[in-house]
Protein backbone atom coordinates (compact mmCIF):
# COMPACT_ATOMS: atom_id res chain seq x y z
CA MET A 1 135.16 108.98 41.95
CA ASP A 2 133.75 107.73 45.11
CA THR A 3 130.43 108.25 45.29
CA ARG A 4 128.56 108.88 48.13
CA ALA A 5 127.52 105.47 49.74
CA LYS A 6 131.45 104.03 49.35
CA ILE A 7 132.07 107.19 51.41
CA ASP A 8 129.65 106.60 53.59
CA ALA A 9 131.55 103.03 54.17
CA LYS A 10 134.45 104.19 54.20
CA LEU A 11 134.26 106.54 56.48
CA GLN A 12 132.26 103.09 59.02
CA ARG A 13 134.98 101.16 58.96
CA LEU A 14 137.50 104.50 60.42
CA GLU A 15 134.57 104.81 62.68
CA GLN A 16 135.34 101.34 63.56
CA LEU A 17 138.54 101.85 64.72
CA ILE A 18 138.08 104.19 67.07
CA PRO A 19 138.13 101.64 70.24
CA GLU A 20 140.58 99.45 69.26
CA LEU A 21 143.27 103.13 69.18
CA LYS A 22 141.76 104.76 72.16
CA ALA A 23 142.05 100.97 73.70
CA GLN A 24 145.89 101.82 73.78
CA GLY A 25 145.99 104.76 76.07
CA ASP A 26 148.14 107.60 73.62
CA THR A 27 145.95 110.15 72.35
CA ALA A 28 149.22 111.41 70.48
CA ALA A 29 149.35 107.52 68.93
CA ALA A 30 145.63 106.84 68.35
CA LEU A 31 145.37 110.36 66.44
CA ASP A 32 148.36 110.10 64.36
CA LEU A 33 146.64 106.91 63.80
CA PHE A 34 143.74 107.47 62.39
CA ALA A 35 145.19 110.71 60.41
CA LYS A 36 147.19 108.06 58.79
CA ALA A 37 144.09 105.69 57.99
CA SER A 38 142.10 108.59 56.96
CA THR A 39 144.51 110.47 54.45
CA PRO A 40 143.58 107.95 51.34
CA LEU A 41 140.01 108.72 51.82
CA THR A 42 140.64 113.30 52.13
CA ARG A 43 143.78 113.12 50.15
CA ASP A 44 141.44 111.47 46.68
CA ALA A 45 138.15 112.55 47.90
CA PRO A 46 135.53 114.43 45.55
CA ALA A 47 135.58 118.70 46.01
CA GLU A 48 131.56 117.82 46.30
CA HIS A 49 131.89 115.46 49.51
CA GLU A 50 134.89 117.24 50.90
CA ALA A 51 133.05 119.25 54.08
CA TYR A 52 130.75 116.17 54.52
CA ILE A 53 134.02 113.98 55.37
CA THR A 54 135.68 117.13 57.17
CA GLN A 55 132.45 117.20 59.07
CA ARG A 56 132.72 113.70 60.13
CA LEU A 57 135.95 112.94 60.99
CA THR A 58 136.40 115.84 62.96
CA CYS A 59 132.40 114.46 64.71
CA MET A 60 134.20 110.62 65.07
CA LEU A 61 136.81 112.46 66.97
CA VAL A 62 134.36 114.46 69.30
CA ASP A 63 132.71 112.01 69.28
CA ALA A 64 135.48 109.56 70.75
CA GLY A 65 137.07 112.24 73.13
CA LEU A 66 140.11 112.03 71.17
CA VAL A 67 139.77 116.22 70.95
CA ALA A 68 137.51 118.54 72.65
CA GLY A 69 135.33 120.81 71.65
CA GLY A 70 132.10 120.61 69.13
CA PRO A 71 132.12 120.79 64.92
CA GLU A 72 132.27 123.89 63.43
CA GLY A 73 128.05 124.48 61.86
CA GLU A 74 125.46 121.55 61.86
CA PRO A 75 125.19 118.93 64.38
CA CYS A 76 126.54 115.68 63.23
CA ALA A 77 124.05 113.83 61.44
CA ARG A 78 125.08 110.71 61.12
CA GLY A 79 124.26 107.19 57.81
CA ASP A 80 121.14 107.79 57.18
CA GLU A 81 120.48 111.56 58.30
CA ALA A 82 122.85 112.88 56.59
CA GLU A 83 122.55 114.94 54.37
CA PRO A 84 124.62 115.43 51.09
CA PRO A 85 126.74 118.72 50.99
CA GLU A 86 124.61 119.70 48.36
CA ALA A 87 121.25 118.88 49.51
CA PRO A 88 119.48 122.01 50.36
CA ARG A 89 117.87 122.44 54.13
CA GLY A 90 115.17 123.63 56.61
CA ASP A 91 114.15 126.93 54.46
CA GLU A 92 116.59 126.94 52.20
CA ALA A 93 114.79 124.90 49.04
C-alpha cells in the first residue's frame, strides 16, 4: 500500500508530463495519455487517499487548461500545503 509520500511523488511525476502532452497540440490525445499514465495510481489507490488523488488529478488538468472549470469542493492544495483527507480542517477539529 502506498504511503502519502509515495502518492505525492507519483502525482508530481504525472504533473511533469503535462507540458509534454500539451505540446502535442491535441487536447483529446493529451487527456487520453494522461488518463493512461494515471491509471496505475488511481487503480491501486488506498481507500483513504482516493479523494485526495482524484482532487489532485483534477486540479492538474484544470490548471493546465486541459479541462474547463474548477475542481468541486475545496480549492486545490499542492505538495506540503495539501492535508490528508482525514485531517480535521478549520473548525471541524
